[in-house]
N, C-alpha and C. Protein backbone atom coordinates (compact mmCIF):
# COMPACT_ATOMS: atom_id res chain seq x y z
N UNK A 1 133.01 128.38 110.60
CA UNK A 1 133.47 129.55 109.87
C UNK A 1 132.64 129.67 108.58
N UNK A 2 132.07 130.87 108.30
CA UNK A 2 131.24 131.02 107.10
C UNK A 2 132.08 130.87 105.83
N UNK A 3 131.43 130.40 104.77
CA UNK A 3 132.17 130.23 103.51
C UNK A 3 132.60 131.59 102.97
N UNK A 4 133.76 131.61 102.38
CA UNK A 4 134.30 132.83 101.78
C UNK A 4 133.66 133.03 100.41
N UNK A 5 133.18 134.25 100.17
CA UNK A 5 132.61 134.55 98.86
C UNK A 5 133.39 135.68 98.23
N UNK A 6 133.33 135.74 96.92
CA UNK A 6 134.02 136.79 96.19
C UNK A 6 133.14 138.00 95.96
N UNK A 7 131.87 137.90 96.34
CA UNK A 7 130.93 139.00 96.11
C UNK A 7 130.85 139.85 97.38
N UNK A 8 131.13 141.15 97.26
CA UNK A 8 131.07 142.02 98.44
C UNK A 8 129.67 142.02 99.06
N UNK A 9 129.63 142.22 100.36
CA UNK A 9 128.38 142.21 101.10
C UNK A 9 127.38 143.22 100.54
N UNK A 10 127.82 144.42 100.23
CA UNK A 10 126.92 145.45 99.69
C UNK A 10 126.26 145.01 98.39
N UNK A 11 127.04 144.37 97.53
CA UNK A 11 126.49 143.88 96.26
C UNK A 11 125.52 142.74 96.50
N UNK A 12 125.84 141.86 97.45
CA UNK A 12 124.91 140.76 97.78
C UNK A 12 123.59 141.29 98.28
N UNK A 13 123.64 142.32 99.14
CA UNK A 13 122.40 142.92 99.65
C UNK A 13 121.62 143.57 98.53
N UNK A 14 122.32 144.26 97.62
CA UNK A 14 121.66 144.90 96.49
C UNK A 14 120.97 143.87 95.60
N UNK A 15 121.67 142.78 95.30
CA UNK A 15 121.08 141.72 94.46
C UNK A 15 119.90 141.07 95.16
N UNK A 16 119.99 140.88 96.47
CA UNK A 16 118.87 140.30 97.22
C UNK A 16 117.66 141.23 97.16
N UNK A 17 117.91 142.53 97.22
CA UNK A 17 116.83 143.51 97.13
C UNK A 17 116.15 143.44 95.76
N UNK A 18 116.94 143.32 94.71
CA UNK A 18 116.38 143.21 93.36
C UNK A 18 115.52 141.95 93.24
N UNK A 19 116.01 140.85 93.81
CA UNK A 19 115.26 139.60 93.74
C UNK A 19 113.93 139.73 94.49
N UNK A 20 113.93 140.41 95.64
CA UNK A 20 112.68 140.64 96.38
C UNK A 20 111.72 141.48 95.54
N UNK A 21 112.26 142.54 94.92
CA UNK A 21 111.42 143.40 94.09
C UNK A 21 110.81 142.60 92.93
N UNK A 22 111.63 141.76 92.30
CA UNK A 22 111.13 140.94 91.20
C UNK A 22 110.05 139.98 91.69
N UNK A 23 110.26 139.41 92.85
CA UNK A 23 109.28 138.48 93.41
C UNK A 23 107.96 139.20 93.67
N UNK A 24 108.03 140.40 94.23
CA UNK A 24 106.81 141.16 94.50
C UNK A 24 106.10 141.53 93.19
N UNK A 25 106.86 141.91 92.17
CA UNK A 25 106.24 142.24 90.90
C UNK A 25 105.59 141.01 90.26
N UNK A 26 106.25 139.87 90.38
CA UNK A 26 105.66 138.64 89.85
C UNK A 26 104.37 138.29 90.58
N UNK A 27 104.34 138.53 91.89
CA UNK A 27 103.12 138.29 92.66
C UNK A 27 102.01 139.24 92.22
N UNK A 28 102.36 140.50 92.00
CA UNK A 28 101.37 141.47 91.52
C UNK A 28 100.83 141.05 90.16
N UNK A 29 101.70 140.60 89.30
CA UNK A 29 101.29 140.16 87.97
C UNK A 29 100.33 138.99 88.07
N UNK A 30 100.63 138.05 88.94
CA UNK A 30 99.76 136.89 89.14
C UNK A 30 98.39 137.33 89.67
N UNK A 31 98.41 138.25 90.63
CA UNK A 31 97.15 138.74 91.22
C UNK A 31 96.33 139.50 90.17
N UNK A 32 96.99 140.29 89.35
CA UNK A 32 96.27 141.01 88.28
C UNK A 32 95.68 140.03 87.27
N UNK A 33 96.37 138.93 87.00
CA UNK A 33 95.81 137.89 86.12
C UNK A 33 94.51 137.34 86.69
N UNK A 34 94.53 137.07 87.98
CA UNK A 34 93.34 136.54 88.66
C UNK A 34 92.19 137.55 88.62
N UNK A 35 92.50 138.81 88.89
CA UNK A 35 91.47 139.85 88.87
C UNK A 35 90.96 140.10 87.46
N UNK A 36 91.85 140.03 86.48
CA UNK A 36 91.44 140.19 85.09
C UNK A 36 90.46 139.10 84.69
N UNK A 37 90.72 137.89 85.10
CA UNK A 37 89.81 136.77 84.81
C UNK A 37 88.42 137.05 85.40
N UNK A 38 88.40 137.54 86.64
CA UNK A 38 87.12 137.85 87.28
C UNK A 38 86.39 138.97 86.53
N UNK A 39 87.13 140.00 86.12
CA UNK A 39 86.51 141.10 85.36
C UNK A 39 85.97 140.61 84.01
N UNK A 40 86.71 139.73 83.36
CA UNK A 40 86.25 139.19 82.08
C UNK A 40 84.97 138.38 82.25
N UNK A 41 84.90 137.62 83.33
CA UNK A 41 83.68 136.84 83.60
C UNK A 41 82.49 137.77 83.84
N UNK A 42 82.70 138.84 84.60
CA UNK A 42 81.63 139.82 84.82
C UNK A 42 81.19 140.43 83.50
N UNK A 43 82.16 140.78 82.68
CA UNK A 43 81.87 141.40 81.39
C UNK A 43 81.08 140.45 80.48
N UNK A 44 81.46 139.18 80.47
CA UNK A 44 80.75 138.20 79.66
C UNK A 44 79.30 138.03 80.09
N UNK A 45 79.05 138.24 81.38
CA UNK A 45 77.69 138.13 81.90
C UNK A 45 76.94 139.46 81.85
N UNK A 46 77.57 140.44 81.19
CA UNK A 46 76.98 141.78 81.06
C UNK A 46 76.68 142.43 82.40
N UNK A 47 77.48 142.11 83.39
CA UNK A 47 77.32 142.74 84.70
C UNK A 47 78.18 144.00 84.74
N UNK A 48 77.58 145.09 85.16
CA UNK A 48 78.35 146.32 85.17
C UNK A 48 78.72 146.77 86.59
N UNK A 49 78.42 145.95 87.58
CA UNK A 49 78.79 146.26 88.95
C UNK A 49 79.94 145.34 89.37
N UNK A 50 81.07 145.95 89.68
CA UNK A 50 82.25 145.19 90.10
C UNK A 50 82.17 145.01 91.62
N UNK A 51 82.29 143.78 92.10
CA UNK A 51 82.26 143.55 93.55
C UNK A 51 83.32 144.37 94.29
N UNK A 52 82.97 144.77 95.48
CA UNK A 52 83.85 145.61 96.29
C UNK A 52 85.22 144.95 96.51
N UNK A 53 85.24 143.65 96.71
CA UNK A 53 86.50 142.96 96.94
C UNK A 53 87.48 143.12 95.79
N UNK A 54 86.96 143.14 94.57
CA UNK A 54 87.82 143.31 93.40
C UNK A 54 88.35 144.74 93.33
N UNK A 55 87.47 145.73 93.55
CA UNK A 55 87.93 147.12 93.49
C UNK A 55 88.93 147.42 94.60
N UNK A 56 88.69 146.87 95.79
CA UNK A 56 89.62 147.09 96.90
C UNK A 56 90.98 146.51 96.55
N UNK A 57 90.99 145.30 96.01
CA UNK A 57 92.28 144.66 95.66
C UNK A 57 92.99 145.43 94.56
N UNK A 58 92.26 145.92 93.56
CA UNK A 58 92.88 146.72 92.50
C UNK A 58 93.52 147.98 93.07
N UNK A 59 92.83 148.60 94.03
CA UNK A 59 93.39 149.79 94.68
C UNK A 59 94.64 149.43 95.48
N UNK A 60 94.61 148.29 96.16
CA UNK A 60 95.78 147.85 96.92
C UNK A 60 96.98 147.61 96.01
N UNK A 61 96.70 147.25 94.77
CA UNK A 61 97.76 147.01 93.80
C UNK A 61 98.19 148.30 93.09
N UNK A 62 97.63 149.43 93.53
CA UNK A 62 98.08 150.71 93.01
C UNK A 62 97.22 151.35 91.94
N UNK A 63 96.12 150.72 91.58
CA UNK A 63 95.26 151.31 90.57
C UNK A 63 94.31 152.31 91.23
N UNK A 64 94.04 153.40 90.53
CA UNK A 64 93.20 154.47 91.08
C UNK A 64 91.92 154.60 90.26
N UNK A 65 90.93 155.22 90.87
CA UNK A 65 89.65 155.49 90.20
C UNK A 65 89.02 154.22 89.62
N UNK A 66 88.88 153.20 90.46
CA UNK A 66 88.30 151.94 89.99
C UNK A 66 86.89 151.71 90.52
N UNK A 67 86.50 152.45 91.55
CA UNK A 67 85.16 152.27 92.12
C UNK A 67 84.10 152.78 91.17
N UNK A 68 83.06 151.97 90.97
CA UNK A 68 81.94 152.36 90.13
C UNK A 68 82.23 152.33 88.64
N UNK A 69 83.36 151.74 88.27
CA UNK A 69 83.75 151.67 86.86
C UNK A 69 83.34 150.32 86.29
N UNK A 70 82.79 150.35 85.09
CA UNK A 70 82.33 149.14 84.41
C UNK A 70 83.51 148.19 84.14
N UNK A 71 83.28 146.87 84.24
CA UNK A 71 84.35 145.91 83.95
C UNK A 71 84.97 146.10 82.57
N UNK A 72 84.15 146.47 81.59
CA UNK A 72 84.68 146.64 80.23
C UNK A 72 85.67 147.79 80.15
N UNK A 73 85.60 148.73 81.09
CA UNK A 73 86.56 149.84 81.15
C UNK A 73 87.79 149.43 81.96
N UNK A 74 87.57 148.62 83.00
CA UNK A 74 88.69 148.19 83.84
C UNK A 74 89.60 147.18 83.15
N UNK A 75 89.05 146.36 82.29
CA UNK A 75 89.85 145.31 81.63
C UNK A 75 91.06 145.89 80.91
N UNK A 76 90.91 146.87 80.02
CA UNK A 76 92.10 147.41 79.36
C UNK A 76 93.05 148.12 80.33
N UNK A 77 92.53 148.69 81.39
CA UNK A 77 93.39 149.33 82.38
C UNK A 77 94.24 148.30 83.11
N UNK A 78 93.64 147.16 83.44
CA UNK A 78 94.39 146.09 84.09
C UNK A 78 95.44 145.54 83.13
N UNK A 79 95.07 145.38 81.86
CA UNK A 79 96.03 144.91 80.86
C UNK A 79 97.21 145.88 80.73
N UNK A 80 96.92 147.17 80.76
CA UNK A 80 97.99 148.18 80.71
C UNK A 80 98.91 148.08 81.92
N UNK A 81 98.32 147.87 83.09
CA UNK A 81 99.12 147.74 84.31
C UNK A 81 99.99 146.48 84.25
N UNK A 82 99.44 145.39 83.72
CA UNK A 82 100.24 144.18 83.56
C UNK A 82 101.42 144.43 82.62
N UNK A 83 101.18 145.15 81.55
CA UNK A 83 102.24 145.45 80.59
C UNK A 83 103.32 146.31 81.24
N UNK A 84 102.90 147.27 82.06
CA UNK A 84 103.86 148.12 82.76
C UNK A 84 104.75 147.28 83.68
N UNK A 85 104.15 146.33 84.38
CA UNK A 85 104.91 145.46 85.28
C UNK A 85 105.85 144.57 84.48
N UNK A 86 105.37 144.03 83.36
CA UNK A 86 106.24 143.17 82.53
C UNK A 86 107.45 143.94 82.01
N UNK A 87 107.23 145.20 81.60
CA UNK A 87 108.36 146.02 81.13
C UNK A 87 109.35 146.27 82.26
N UNK A 88 108.83 146.54 83.44
CA UNK A 88 109.71 146.78 84.59
C UNK A 88 110.51 145.52 84.93
N UNK A 89 109.86 144.37 84.91
CA UNK A 89 110.57 143.11 85.16
C UNK A 89 111.65 142.87 84.12
N UNK A 90 111.33 143.11 82.85
CA UNK A 90 112.31 142.92 81.78
C UNK A 90 113.50 143.86 81.96
N UNK A 91 113.22 145.09 82.35
CA UNK A 91 114.29 146.06 82.59
C UNK A 91 115.17 145.61 83.74
N UNK A 92 114.56 145.10 84.79
CA UNK A 92 115.33 144.62 85.94
C UNK A 92 116.21 143.44 85.55
N UNK A 93 115.68 142.55 84.73
CA UNK A 93 116.46 141.39 84.29
C UNK A 93 117.65 141.83 83.43
N UNK A 94 117.39 142.81 82.53
CA UNK A 94 118.47 143.29 81.67
C UNK A 94 119.57 143.95 82.50
N UNK A 95 119.17 144.77 83.47
CA UNK A 95 120.17 145.48 84.28
C UNK A 95 120.96 144.51 85.15
N UNK A 96 120.36 143.39 85.50
CA UNK A 96 121.03 142.41 86.33
C UNK A 96 122.11 141.66 85.54
N UNK A 97 121.93 141.55 84.23
CA UNK A 97 122.90 140.80 83.42
C UNK A 97 124.02 141.67 82.90
N UNK A 98 123.90 142.99 83.09
CA UNK A 98 124.98 143.86 82.61
C UNK A 98 125.84 144.36 83.74
């Protein structure tokens, strides 16, 4: 017999959905950190051509107009995207505690 819980099934599913969303956002944040490091290394070497793999991954993460853009221009855009994700995560955490 399954254990009895005081949390309704609908609420449990909702909370599980929030946890999945948070996990996905944390993964995106981690991936953006990795890509940011690569862009910074390119910038330090004065390379203005971003490898296709990096631009493809940035696009997969929802960033637009990244092809043919200099690393020095992409760096602040990636930082802005990271900040947007951090704000969303913070908002999700706050809503979960209220």
